Amino acid sequence: MAHTKTSFVCLPCRASYKQAHDAFAGERRCPRCAGGLIAVGSAFAVPRRRDLAGWRTLTLLLNAGIRFHKTSCCGGAGYRPRTRHEVRERKLYARRSGEPLERALLHRDIPWERTAG
């Protein structure tokens, strides 16, 4: 039986590694800096190493607890913000509406009309 692979990310090195998913493997280490790797999920699309804005956005998402796991057998992870502007809009919406940031970051379209009034 084939083992499922998932992506692991080192934020300081701006590197991504696909490794077999093993719940008992313990903490994974970056081969470049020996820092800890973050499991991000099997539906992760890594930004280019030179894309600093993409990596800043990814850092914000990972620090908020957002991961990139498949939602179904043939689907991706669903919507995730790709720019800092999109993240800022969703943070503002979360603050105004009282919705948790983890859920607000997953909205494709921000339902602003619910917060007006």
PDB file of N, CA and C in Angstrom:
ATOM      1  N   MET A   1       0.845  -1.184   0.000  1.00  0.00           N
ATOM      2  CA  MET A   1       0.000   0.000   0.000  1.00  0.00           C
ATOM      3  C   MET A   1       0.886   1.241   0.000  1.00  0.00           C
ATOM      4  N   ALA A   2       0.574   2.188  -0.853  1.00  0.00           N
ATOM      5  CA  ALA A   2       1.360   3.418  -0.951  1.00  0.00           C
ATOM      6  C   ALA A   2       1.108   4.318   0.252  1.00  0.00           C
ATOM      7  N   HIS A   3       2.170   4.954   0.715  1.00  0.00           N
ATOM      8  CA  HIS A   3       2.051   5.868   1.839  1.00  0.00           C
ATOM      9  C   HIS A   3       1.648   7.245   1.338  1.00  0.00           C
ATOM     10  N   THR A   4       0.804   7.900   2.098  1.00  0.00           N
ATOM     11  CA  THR A   4       0.375   9.243   1.759  1.00  0.00           C
ATOM     12  C   THR A   4       1.495  10.222   2.077  1.00  0.00           C
ATOM     13  N   LYS A   5       1.749  11.152   1.159  1.00  0.00           N
ATOM     14  CA  LYS A   5       2.765  12.177   1.405  1.00  0.00           C
ATOM     15  C   LYS A   5       2.083  13.497   1.702  1.00  0.00           C
ATOM     16  N   THR A   6       2.710  14.257   2.548  1.00  0.00           N
ATOM     17  CA  THR A   6       2.212  15.576   2.902  1.00  0.00           C
ATOM     18  C   THR A   6       3.379  16.555   2.851  1.00  0.00           C
ATOM     19  N   SER A   7       3.063  17.818   2.761  1.00  0.00           N
ATOM     20  CA  SER A   7       4.104  18.850   2.681  1.00  0.00           C
ATOM     21  C   SER A   7       4.485  19.337   4.069  1.00  0.00           C
ATOM     22  N   PHE A   8       5.769  19.604   4.232  1.00  0.00           N
ATOM     23  CA  PHE A   8       6.321  20.206   5.440  1.00  0.00           C
ATOM     24  C   PHE A   8       7.098  21.436   5.000  1.00  0.00           C
ATOM     25  N   VAL A   9       7.020  22.507   5.796  1.00  0.00           N
ATOM     26  CA  VAL A   9       7.604  23.792   5.411  1.00  0.00           C
ATOM     27  C   VAL A   9       8.573  24.269   6.477  1.00  0.00           C
ATOM     28  N   CYS A  10       9.690  24.860   5.998  1.00  0.00           N
ATOM     29  CA  CYS A  10      10.612  25.588   6.864  1.00  0.00           C
ATOM     30  C   CYS A  10      10.475  27.057   6.485  1.00  0.00           C
ATOM     31  N   LEU A  11       9.902  27.862   7.363  1.00  0.00           N
ATOM     32  CA  LEU A  11       9.674  29.277   7.052  1.00  0.00           C
ATOM     33  C   LEU A  11      10.963  30.087   6.939  1.00  0.00           C
ATOM     34  N   PRO A  12      11.957  29.915   7.826  1.00  0.00           N
ATOM     35  CA  PRO A  12      13.191  30.701   7.671  1.00  0.00           C
ATOM     36  C   PRO A  12      13.931  30.413   6.362  1.00  0.00           C
ATOM     37  N   CYS A  13      13.914  29.163   5.900  1.00  0.00           N
ATOM     38  CA  CYS A  13      14.606  28.797   4.646  1.00  0.00           C
ATOM     39  C   CYS A  13      13.721  29.000   3.420  1.00  0.00           C
ATOM     40  N   ARG A  14      12.436  29.247   3.625  1.00  0.00           N
ATOM     41  CA  ARG A  14      11.465  29.339   2.533  1.00  0.00           C
ATOM     42  C   ARG A  14      11.558  28.089   1.648  1.00  0.00           C
ATOM     43  N   ALA A  15      11.439  26.929   2.291  1.00  0.00           N
ATOM     44  CA  ALA A  15      11.558  25.653   1.590  1.00  0.00           C
ATOM     45  C   ALA A  15      10.412  24.737   1.992  1.00  0.00           C
ATOM     46  N   SER A  16      10.025  23.876   1.054  1.00  0.00           N
ATOM     47  CA  SER A  16       8.955  22.906   1.281  1.00  0.00           C
ATOM     48  C   SER A  16       9.471  21.521   0.923  1.00  0.00           C
ATOM     49  N   TYR A  17       9.072  20.521   1.707  1.00  0.00           N
ATOM     50  CA  TYR A  17       9.502  19.146   1.491  1.00  0.00           C
ATOM     51  C   TYR A  17       8.287  18.237   1.574  1.00  0.00           C
ATOM     52  N   LYS A  18       8.153  17.319   0.615  1.00  0.00           N
ATOM     53  CA  LYS A  18       7.108  16.295   0.667  1.00  0.00           C
ATOM     54  C   LYS A  18       7.703  15.077   1.354  1.00  0.00           C
ATOM     55  N   GLN A  19       7.006  14.606   2.381  1.00  0.00           N
ATOM     56  CA  GLN A  19       7.476  13.441   3.111  1.00  0.00           C
ATOM     57  C   GLN A  19       6.295  12.553   3.421  1.00  0.00           C
ATOM     58  N   ALA A  20       6.574  11.291   3.650  1.00  0.00           N
ATOM     59  CA  ALA A  20       5.524  10.350   4.003  1.00  0.00           C
ATOM     60  C   ALA A  20       4.889  10.784   5.313  1.00  0.00           C
ATOM     61  N   HIS A  21       3.579  10.720   5.365  1.00  0.00           N
ATOM     62  CA  HIS A  21       2.858  11.102   6.576  1.00  0.00           C
ATOM     63  C   HIS A  21       2.908   9.939   7.549  1.00  0.00           C
ATOM     64  N   ASP A  22       3.563  10.141   8.656  1.00  0.00           N
ATOM     65  CA  ASP A  22       3.669   9.124   9.693  1.00  0.00           C
ATOM     66  C   ASP A  22       3.382   9.801  11.021  1.00  0.00           C
ATOM     67  N   ALA A  23       2.297   9.402  11.659  1.00  0.00           N
ATOM     68  CA  ALA A  23       1.877  10.036  12.912  1.00  0.00           C
ATOM     69  C   ALA A  23       2.883   9.810  14.027  1.00  0.00           C
ATOM     70  N   PHE A  24       3.724   8.803  13.896  1.00  0.00           N
ATOM     71  CA  PHE A  24       4.662   8.475  14.973  1.00  0.00           C
ATOM     72  C   PHE A  24       6.089   8.927  14.681  1.00  0.00           C
ATOM     73  N   ALA A  25       6.275   9.744  13.646  1.00  0.00           N
ATOM     74  CA  ALA A  25       7.622  10.148  13.239  1.00  0.00           C
ATOM     75  C   ALA A  25       8.258  11.163  14.190  1.00  0.00           C
ATOM     76  N   GLY A  26       7.473  11.851  14.991  1.00  0.00           N
ATOM     77  CA  GLY A  26       8.030  12.863  15.880  1.00  0.00           C
ATOM     78  C   GLY A  26       8.251  14.169  15.141  1.00  0.00           C
ATOM     79  N   GLU A  27       9.053  15.063  15.739  1.00  0.00           N
ATOM     80  CA  GLU A  27       9.295  16.358  15.116  1.00  0.00           C
ATOM     81  C   GLU A  27      10.235  16.197  13.924  1.00  0.00           C
ATOM     82  N   ARG A  28       9.887  16.844  12.831  1.00  0.00           N
ATOM     83  CA  ARG A  28      10.706  16.788  11.616  1.00  0.00           C
ATOM     84  C   ARG A  28      11.642  17.990  11.593  1.00  0.00           C
ATOM     85  N   ARG A  29      12.826  17.796  11.040  1.00  0.00           N
ATOM     86  CA  ARG A  29      13.855  18.832  10.996  1.00  0.00           C
ATOM     87  C   ARG A  29      14.174  19.209   9.554  1.00  0.00           C
ATOM     88  N   CYS A  30      14.451  20.504   9.357  1.00  0.00           N
ATOM     89  CA  CYS A  30      14.825  21.015   8.045  1.00  0.00           C
ATOM     90  C   CYS A  30      16.241  20.533   7.706  1.00  0.00           C
ATOM     91  N   PRO A  31      16.450  19.995   6.493  1.00  0.00           N
ATOM     92  CA  PRO A  31      17.791  19.554   6.120  1.00  0.00           C
ATOM     93  C   PRO A  31      18.787  20.705   5.950  1.00  0.00           C
ATOM     94  N   ARG A  32      18.295  21.932   5.763  1.00  0.00           N
ATOM     95  CA  ARG A  32      19.187  23.078   5.566  1.00  0.00           C
ATOM     96  C   ARG A  32      19.636  23.693   6.885  1.00  0.00           C
ATOM     97  N   CYS A  33      18.660  24.015   7.773  1.00  0.00           N
ATOM     98  CA  CYS A  33      18.991  24.771   8.989  1.00  0.00           C
ATOM     99  C   CYS A  33      18.788  23.974  10.273  1.00  0.00           C
ATOM    100  N   ALA A  34      18.252  22.766  10.179  1.00  0.00           N
ATOM    101  CA  ALA A  34      17.970  21.896  11.318  1.00  0.00           C
ATOM    102  C   ALA A  34      16.869  22.454  12.221  1.00  0.00           C
ATOM    103  N   GLY A  35      16.144  23.461  11.736  1.00  0.00           N
ATOM    104  CA  GLY A  35      14.993  23.972  12.478  1.00  0.00           C
ATOM    105  C   GLY A  35      13.796  23.049  12.299  1.00  0.00           C
ATOM    106  N   GLY A  36      12.768  23.273  13.088  1.00  0.00           N
ATOM    107  CA  GLY A  36      11.576  22.443  12.998  1.00  0.00           C
ATOM    108  C   GLY A  36      10.769  22.720  11.739  1.00  0.00           C
ATOM    109  N   LEU A  37      10.213  21.662  11.153  1.00  0.00           N
ATOM    110  CA  LEU A  37       9.343  21.792  10.000  1.00  0.00           C
ATOM    111  C   LEU A  37       7.893  21.829  10.456  1.00  0.00           C
ATOM    112  N   ILE A  38       7.055  22.540   9.717  1.00  0.00           N
ATOM    113  CA  ILE A  38       5.634  22.652  10.011  1.00  0.00           C
ATOM    114  C   ILE A  38       4.868  21.817   8.995  1.00  0.00           C
ATOM    115  N   ALA A  39       4.020  20.908   9.467  1.00  0.00           N
ATOM    116  CA  ALA A  39       3.173  20.117   8.570  1.00  0.00           C
ATOM    117  C   ALA A  39       2.073  21.026   8.049  1.00  0.00           C
ATOM    118  N   VAL A  40       1.991  21.177   6.720  1.00  0.00           N
ATOM    119  CA  VAL A  40       1.013  22.100   6.139  1.00  0.00           C
ATOM    120  C   VAL A  40      -0.098  21.396   5.373  1.00  0.00           C
ATOM    121  N   GLY A  41       0.048  20.115   5.071  1.00  0.00           N
ATOM    122  CA  GLY A  41      -1.020  19.379   4.405  1.00  0.00           C
ATOM    123  C   GLY A  41      -0.662  18.969   2.989  1.00  0.00           C
ATOM    124  N   SER A  42      -1.456  18.070   2.448  1.00  0.00           N
ATOM    125  CA  SER A  42      -1.155  17.497   1.141  1.00  0.00           C
ATOM    126  C   SER A  42      -1.633  18.352  -0.023  1.00  0.00           C
ATOM    127  N   ALA A  43      -2.482  19.361   0.212  1.00  0.00           N
ATOM    128  CA  ALA A  43      -2.987  20.219  -0.863  1.00  0.00           C
ATOM    129  C   ALA A  43      -2.253  21.559  -0.912  1.00  0.00           C
ATOM    130  N   PHE A  44      -1.045  21.594  -0.401  1.00  0.00           N
ATOM    131  CA  PHE A  44      -0.262  22.825  -0.314  1.00  0.00           C
ATOM    132  C   PHE A  44       0.448  23.112  -1.629  1.00  0.00           C
ATOM    133  N   ALA A  45       0.358  24.360  -2.093  1.00  0.00           N
ATOM    134  CA  ALA A  45       1.104  24.823  -3.265  1.00  0.00           C
ATOM    135  C   ALA A  45       2.138  25.830  -2.781  1.00  0.00           C
ATOM    136  N   VAL A  46       3.391  25.471  -2.883  1.00  0.00           N
ATOM    137  CA  VAL A  46       4.477  26.284  -2.337  1.00  0.00           C
ATOM    138  C   VAL A  46       4.725  27.514  -3.211  1.00  0.00           C
ATOM    139  N   PRO A  47       4.888  28.704  -2.591  1.00  0.00           N
ATOM    140  CA  PRO A  47       5.286  29.883  -3.381  1.00  0.00           C
ATOM    141  C   PRO A  47       6.756  29.750  -3.794  1.00  0.00           C
ATOM    142  N   ARG A  48       7.132  30.470  -4.814  1.00  0.00           N
ATOM    143  CA  ARG A  48       8.543  30.472  -5.221  1.00  0.00           C
ATOM    144  C   ARG A  48       9.392  31.062  -4.099  1.00  0.00           C
ATOM    145  N   ARG A  49      10.617  30.616  -4.002  1.00  0.00           N
ATOM    146  CA  ARG A  49      11.504  31.063  -2.918  1.00  0.00           C
ATOM    147  C   ARG A  49      11.709  32.576  -2.940  1.00  0.00           C
ATOM    148  N   ARG A  50      11.703  33.198  -4.106  1.00  0.00           N
ATOM    149  CA  ARG A  50      11.907  34.651  -4.217  1.00  0.00           C
ATOM    150  C   ARG A  50      10.647  35.458  -3.949  1.00  0.00           C
ATOM    151  N   ASP A  51       9.506  34.803  -3.853  1.00  0.00           N
ATOM    152  CA  ASP A  51       8.227  35.485  -3.633  1.00  0.00           C
ATOM    153  C   ASP A  51       8.074  35.824  -2.145  1.00  0.00           C
ATOM    154  N   LEU A  52       8.696  36.916  -1.720  1.00  0.00           N
ATOM    155  CA  LEU A  52       8.688  37.280  -0.301  1.00  0.00           C
ATOM    156  C   LEU A  52       7.286  37.572   0.208  1.00  0.00           C
ATOM    157  N   ALA A  53       6.458  38.234  -0.603  1.00  0.00           N
ATOM    158  CA  ALA A  53       5.086  38.536  -0.182  1.00  0.00           C
ATOM    159  C   ALA A  53       4.293  37.245   0.009  1.00  0.00           C
ATOM    160  N   GLY A  54       4.491  36.278  -0.865  1.00  0.00           N
ATOM    161  CA  GLY A  54       3.809  34.990  -0.734  1.00  0.00           C
ATOM    162  C   GLY A  54       4.212  34.267   0.541  1.00  0.00           C
ATOM    163  N   TRP A  55       5.493  34.309   0.883  1.00  0.00           N
ATOM    164  CA  TRP A  55       5.966  33.658   2.104  1.00  0.00           C
ATOM    165  C   TRP A  55       5.504  34.405   3.357  1.00  0.00           C
ATOM    166  N   ARG A  56       5.397  35.744   3.288  1.00  0.00           N
ATOM    167  CA  ARG A  56       4.862  36.498   4.435  1.00  0.00           C
ATOM    168  C   ARG A  56       3.402  36.119   4.664  1.00  0.00           C
ATOM    169  N   THR A  57       2.636  36.027   3.587  1.00  0.00           N
ATOM    170  CA  THR A  57       1.230  35.631   3.698  1.00  0.00           C
ATOM    171  C   THR A  57       1.128  34.217   4.260  1.00  0.00           C
ATOM    172  N   LEU A  58       1.959  33.313   3.756  1.00  0.00           N
ATOM    173  CA  LEU A  58       1.959  31.939   4.255  1.00  0.00           C
ATOM    174  C   LEU A  58       2.285  31.898   5.744  1.00  0.00           C
ATOM    175  N   THR A  59       3.243  32.704   6.172  1.00  0.00           N
ATOM    176  CA  THR A  59       3.607  32.757   7.595  1.00  0.00           C
ATOM    177  C   THR A  59       2.423  33.206   8.441  1.00  0.00           C
ATOM    178  N   LEU A  60       1.699  34.223   7.977  1.00  0.00           N
ATOM    179  CA  LEU A  60       0.511  34.681   8.705  1.00  0.00           C
ATOM    180  C   LEU A  60      -0.537  33.581   8.807  1.00  0.00           C
ATOM    181  N   LEU A  61      -0.766  32.863   7.710  1.00  0.00           N
ATOM    182  CA  LEU A  61      -1.758  31.795   7.714  1.00  0.00           C
ATOM    183  C   LEU A  61      -1.357  30.661   8.650  1.00  0.00           C
ATOM    184  N   LEU A  62      -0.101  30.236   8.576  1.00  0.00           N
ATOM    185  CA  LEU A  62       0.349  29.130   9.426  1.00  0.00           C
ATOM    186  C   LEU A  62       0.334  29.515  10.896  1.00  0.00           C
ATOM    187  N   ASN A  63       0.703  30.754  11.208  1.00  0.00           N
ATOM    188  CA  ASN A  63       0.663  31.202  12.600  1.00  0.00           C
ATOM    189  C   ASN A  63      -0.760  31.326  13.128  1.00  0.00           C
ATOM    190  N   ALA A  64      -1.737  31.496  12.223  1.00  0.00           N
ATOM    191  CA  ALA A  64      -3.145  31.544  12.628  1.00  0.00           C
ATOM    192  C   ALA A  64      -3.743  30.144  12.722  1.00  0.00           C
ATOM    193  N   GLY A  65      -2.971  29.122  12.384  1.00  0.00           N
ATOM    194  CA  GLY A  65      -3.450  27.747  12.499  1.00  0.00           C
ATOM    195  C   GLY A  65      -4.081  27.196  11.231  1.00  0.00           C
ATOM    196  N   ILE A  66      -3.987  27.916  10.121  1.00  0.00           N
ATOM    197  CA  ILE A  66      -4.574  27.464   8.857  1.00  0.00           C
ATOM    198  C   ILE A  66      -3.615  26.469   8.204  1.00  0.00           C
ATOM    199  N   ARG A  67      -4.162  25.340   7.753  1.00  0.00           N
ATOM    200  CA  ARG A  67      -3.382  24.326   7.038  1.00  0.00           C
ATOM    201  C   ARG A  67      -4.036  24.041   5.697  1.00  0.00           C
ATOM    202  N   PHE A  68      -3.409  23.223   4.885  1.00  0.00           N
ATOM    203  CA  PHE A  68      -3.835  22.978   3.510  1.00  0.00           C
ATOM    204  C   PHE A  68      -4.140  21.496   3.296  1.00  0.00           C
ATOM    205  N   HIS A  69      -5.113  20.981   4.023  1.00  0.00           N
ATOM    206  CA  HIS A  69      -5.513  19.588   3.886  1.00  0.00           C
ATOM    207  C   HIS A  69      -6.620  19.484   2.852  1.00  0.00           C
ATOM    208  N   LYS A  70      -6.646  18.383   2.125  1.00  0.00           N
ATOM    209  CA  LYS A  70      -7.689  18.172   1.127  1.00  0.00           C
ATOM    210  C   LYS A  70      -9.035  18.038   1.811  1.00  0.00           C
ATOM    211  N   THR A  71     -10.066  18.652   1.187  1.00  0.00           N
ATOM    212  CA  THR A  71     -11.408  18.577   1.754  1.00  0.00           C
ATOM    213  C   THR A  71     -12.167  17.355   1.265  1.00  0.00           C
ATOM    214  N   SER A  72     -11.743  16.777   0.148  1.00  0.00           N
ATOM    215  CA  SER A  72     -12.342  15.551  -0.367  1.00  0.00           C
ATOM    216  C   SER A  72     -11.279  14.796  -1.153  1.00  0.00           C
ATOM    217  N   CYS A  73     -11.666  13.667  -1.709  1.00  0.00           N
ATOM    218  CA  CYS A  73     -10.667  12.845  -2.410  1.00  0.00           C
ATOM    219  C   CYS A  73     -10.112  13.527  -3.652  1.00  0.00           C
ATOM    220  N   CYS A  74     -10.888  14.391  -4.306  1.00  0.00           N
ATOM    221  CA  CYS A  74     -10.395  15.006  -5.536  1.00  0.00           C
ATOM    222  C   CYS A  74     -10.402  16.528  -5.461  1.00  0.00           C
ATOM    223  N   GLY A  75     -10.637  17.087  -4.298  1.00  0.00           N
ATOM    224  CA  GLY A  75     -10.657  18.533  -4.153  1.00  0.00           C
ATOM    225  C   GLY A  75      -9.395  19.031  -3.483  1.00  0.00           C
ATOM    226  N   GLY A  76      -9.226  20.324  -3.524  1.00  0.00           N
ATOM    227  CA  GLY A  76      -8.082  20.933  -2.866  1.00  0.00           C
ATOM    228  C   GLY A  76      -8.433  21.327  -1.441  1.00  0.00           C
ATOM    229  N   ALA A  77      -7.690  22.248  -0.914  1.00  0.00           N
ATOM    230  CA  ALA A  77      -7.880  22.673   0.467  1.00  0.00           C
ATOM    231  C   ALA A  77      -8.973  23.723   0.609  1.00  0.00           C
ATOM    232  N   GLY A  78      -9.513  24.207  -0.492  1.00  0.00           N
ATOM    233  CA  GLY A  78     -10.483  25.291  -0.421  1.00  0.00           C
ATOM    234  C   GLY A  78      -9.777  26.628  -0.518  1.00  0.00           C
ATOM    235  N   TYR A  79     -10.510  27.693  -0.302  1.00  0.00           N
ATOM    236  CA  TYR A  79      -9.949  29.039  -0.449  1.00  0.00           C
ATOM    237  C   TYR A  79      -8.952  29.342   0.663  1.00  0.00           C
ATOM    238  N   ARG A  80      -7.835  29.957   0.295  1.00  0.00           N
ATOM    239  CA  ARG A  80      -6.855  30.510   1.222  1.00  0.00           C
ATOM    240  C   ARG A  80      -6.400  31.848   0.652  1.00  0.00           C
ATOM    241  N   PRO A  81      -6.258  32.895   1.498  1.00  0.00           N
ATOM    242  CA  PRO A  81      -5.763  34.183   1.000  1.00  0.00           C
ATOM    243  C   PRO A  81      -4.364  34.028   0.411  1.00  0.00           C
ATOM    244  N   ARG A  82      -4.099  34.769  -0.667  1.00  0.00           N
ATOM    245  CA  ARG A  82      -2.803  34.674  -1.328  1.00  0.00           C
ATOM    246  C   ARG A  82      -1.951  35.924  -1.169  1.00  0.00           C
ATOM    247  N   THR A  83      -2.551  37.028  -0.718  1.00  0.00           N
ATOM    248  CA  THR A  83      -1.796  38.266  -0.566  1.00  0.00           C
ATOM    249  C   THR A  83      -2.001  38.825   0.842  1.00  0.00           C
ATOM    250  N   ARG A  84      -1.110  39.720   1.241  1.00  0.00           N
ATOM    251  CA  ARG A  84      -1.249  40.360   2.555  1.00  0.00           C
ATOM    252  C   ARG A  84      -2.491  41.233   2.602  1.00  0.00           C
ATOM    253  N   HIS A  85      -2.857  41.823   1.466  1.00  0.00           N
ATOM    254  CA  HIS A  85      -4.067  42.648   1.399  1.00  0.00           C
ATOM    255  C   HIS A  85      -5.307  41.806   1.732  1.00  0.00           C
ATOM    256  N   GLU A  86      -5.395  40.615   1.164  1.00  0.00           N
ATOM    257  CA  GLU A  86      -6.530  39.734   1.453  1.00  0.00           C
ATOM    258  C   GLU A  86      -6.537  39.326   2.924  1.00  0.00           C
ATOM    259  N   VAL A  87      -5.370  39.086   3.497  1.00  0.00           N
ATOM    260  CA  VAL A  87      -5.281  38.730   4.913  1.00  0.00           C
ATOM    261  C   VAL A  87      -5.742  39.905   5.777  1.00  0.00           C
ATOM    262  N   ARG A  88      -5.281  41.124   5.441  1.00  0.00           N
ATOM    263  CA  ARG A  88      -5.680  42.314   6.205  1.00  0.00           C
ATOM    264  C   ARG A  88      -7.181  42.528   6.170  1.00  0.00           C
ATOM    265  N   GLU A  89      -7.793  42.343   4.990  1.00  0.00           N
ATOM    266  CA  GLU A  89      -9.253  42.494   4.874  1.00  0.00           C
ATOM    267  C   GLU A  89      -9.982  41.509   5.782  1.00  0.00           C
ATOM    268  N   ARG A  90      -9.523  40.286   5.815  1.00  0.00           N
ATOM    269  CA  ARG A  90     -10.180  39.269   6.627  1.00  0.00           C
ATOM    270  C   ARG A  90      -9.918  39.478   8.119  1.00  0.00           C
ATOM    271  N   LYS A  91      -8.758  40.010   8.468  1.00  0.00           N
ATOM    272  CA  LYS A  91      -8.490  40.343   9.874  1.00  0.00           C
ATOM    273  C   LYS A  91      -9.418  41.471  10.342  1.00  0.00           C
ATOM    274  N   LEU A  92      -9.602  42.474   9.497  1.00  0.00           N
ATOM    275  CA  LEU A  92     -10.502  43.578   9.818  1.00  0.00           C
ATOM    276  C   LEU A  92     -11.931  43.067   9.968  1.00  0.00           C
ATOM    277  N   TYR A  93     -12.355  42.212   9.060  1.00  0.00           N
ATOM    278  CA  TYR A  93     -13.692  41.633   9.149  1.00  0.00           C
ATOM    279  C   TYR A  93     -13.858  40.844  10.453  1.00  0.00           C
ATOM    280  N   ALA A  94     -12.841  40.052  10.821  1.00  0.00           N
ATOM    281  CA  ALA A  94     -12.913  39.260  12.053  1.00  0.00           C
ATOM    282  C   ALA A  94     -13.030  40.171  13.272  1.00  0.00           C
ATOM    283  N   ARG A  95     -12.273  41.252  13.278  1.00  0.00           N
ATOM    284  CA  ARG A  95     -12.315  42.182  14.403  1.00  0.00           C
ATOM    285  C   ARG A  95     -13.682  42.839  14.519  1.00  0.00           C
ATOM    286  N   ARG A  96     -14.252  43.274  13.380  1.00  0.00           N
ATOM    287  CA  ARG A  96     -15.539  43.970  13.400  1.00  0.00           C
ATOM    288  C   ARG A  96     -16.714  43.047  13.671  1.00  0.00           C
ATOM    289  N   SER A  97     -16.649  41.809  13.163  1.00  0.00           N
ATOM    290  CA  SER A  97     -17.788  40.906  13.287  1.00  0.00           C
ATOM    291  C   SER A  97     -17.727  40.036  14.533  1.00  0.00           C
ATOM    292  N   GLY A  98     -16.542  39.876  15.104  1.00  0.00           N
ATOM    293  CA  GLY A  98     -16.394  38.998  16.257  1.00  0.00           C
ATOM    294  C   GLY A  98     -16.175  37.544  15.861  1.00  0.00           C
ATOM    295  N   GLU A  99     -16.113  37.264  14.569  1.00  0.00           N
ATOM    296  CA  GLU A  99     -15.858  35.899  14.098  1.00  0.00           C
ATOM    297  C   GLU A  99     -14.406  35.547  14.373  1.00  0.00           C
ATOM    298  N   PRO A 100     -14.106  34.317  14.764  1.00  0.00           N
ATOM    299  CA  PRO A 100     -12.705  33.932  15.001  1.00  0.00           C
ATOM    300  C   PRO A 100     -11.864  34.102  13.739  1.00  0.00           C
ATOM    301  N   LEU A 101     -10.628  34.545  13.907  1.00  0.00           N
ATOM    302  CA  LEU A 101      -9.736  34.795  12.779  1.00  0.00           C
ATOM    303  C   LEU A 101      -9.533  33.554  11.928  1.00  0.00           C
ATOM    304  N   GLU A 102      -9.451  32.374  12.565  1.00  0.00           N
ATOM    305  CA  GLU A 102      -9.233  31.135  11.826  1.00  0.00           C
ATOM    306  C   GLU A 102     -10.341  30.891  10.804  1.00  0.00           C
ATOM    307  N   ARG A 103     -11.575  31.245  11.152  1.00  0.00           N
ATOM    308  CA  ARG A 103     -12.701  31.077  10.213  1.00  0.00           C
ATOM    309  C   ARG A 103     -12.763  32.218   9.218  1.00  0.00           C
ATOM    310  N   ALA A 104     -12.478  33.440   9.654  1.00  0.00           N
ATOM    311  CA  ALA A 104     -12.553  34.601   8.756  1.00  0.00           C
ATOM    312  C   ALA A 104     -11.534  34.500   7.623  1.00  0.00           C
ATOM    313  N   LEU A 105     -10.376  33.905   7.892  1.00  0.00           N
ATOM    314  CA  LEU A 105      -9.353  33.769   6.857  1.00  0.00           C
ATOM    315  C   LEU A 105      -9.767  32.815   5.745  1.00  0.00           C
ATOM    316  N   LEU A 106     -10.760  31.983   5.975  1.00  0.00           N
ATOM    317  CA  LEU A 106     -11.178  30.994   4.990  1.00  0.00           C
ATOM    318  C   LEU A 106     -12.307  31.471   4.086  1.00  0.00           C
ATOM    319  N   HIS A 107     -12.822  32.697   4.308  1.00  0.00           N
ATOM    320  CA  HIS A 107     -13.886  33.240   3.452  1.00  0.00           C
ATOM    321  C   HIS A 107     -13.330  33.667   2.106  1.00  0.00           C
ATOM    322  N   ARG A 108     -13.938  33.162   1.029  1.00  0.00           N
ATOM    323  CA  ARG A 108     -13.553  33.625  -0.314  1.00  0.00           C
ATOM    324  C   ARG A 108     -14.024  35.063  -0.497  1.00  0.00           C
ATOM    325  N   ASP A 109     -15.278  35.313  -0.175  1.00  0.00           N
ATOM    326  CA  ASP A 109     -15.852  36.652  -0.239  1.00  0.00           C
ATOM    327  C   ASP A 109     -16.221  37.069   1.171  1.00  0.00           C
ATOM    328  N   ILE A 110     -15.881  38.289   1.527  1.00  0.00           N
ATOM    329  CA  ILE A 110     -16.152  38.776   2.875  1.00  0.00           C
ATOM    330  C   ILE A 110     -17.588  39.284   2.939  1.00  0.00           C
ATOM    331  N   PRO A 111     -18.386  38.766   3.855  1.00  0.00           N
ATOM    332  CA  PRO A 111     -19.779  39.220   3.978  1.00  0.00           C
ATOM    333  C   PRO A 111     -19.884  40.516   4.787  1.00  0.00           C
ATOM    334  N   TRP A 112     -19.411  41.617   4.211  1.00  0.00           N
ATOM    335  CA  TRP A 112     -19.367  42.902   4.925  1.00  0.00           C
ATOM    336  C   TRP A 112     -20.725  43.364   5.386  1.00  0.00           C
ATOM    337  N   GLU A 113     -21.779  43.092   4.634  1.00  0.00           N
ATOM    338  CA  GLU A 113     -23.079  43.627   4.981  1.00  0.00           C
ATOM    339  C   GLU A 113     -23.567  43.157   6.347  1.00  0.00           C
ATOM    340  N   ARG A 114     -23.066  42.034   6.836  1.00  0.00           N
ATOM    341  CA  ARG A 114     -23.475  41.564   8.172  1.00  0.00           C
ATOM    342  C   ARG A 114     -22.891  42.433   9.282  1.00  0.00           C
ATOM    343  N   THR A 115     -21.772  43.135   9.006  1.00  0.00           N
ATOM    344  CA  THR A 115     -21.137  43.936  10.055  1.00  0.00           C
ATOM    345  C   THR A 115     -21.607  45.387  10.037  1.00  0.00           C
ATOM    346  N   ALA A 116     -22.282  45.798   8.972  1.00  0.00           N
ATOM    347  CA  ALA A 116     -22.749  47.185   8.877  1.00  0.00           C
ATOM    348  C   ALA A 116     -23.957  47.374   9.769  1.00  0.00           C
ATOM    349  N   GLY A 117     -24.062  48.572  10.332  1.00  0.00           N
ATOM    350  CA  GLY A 117     -25.280  48.856  11.071  1.00  0.00           C
ATOM    351  C   GLY A 117     -25.005  49.193  12.432  1.00  0.00           C
TER     352      GLY A 117
END
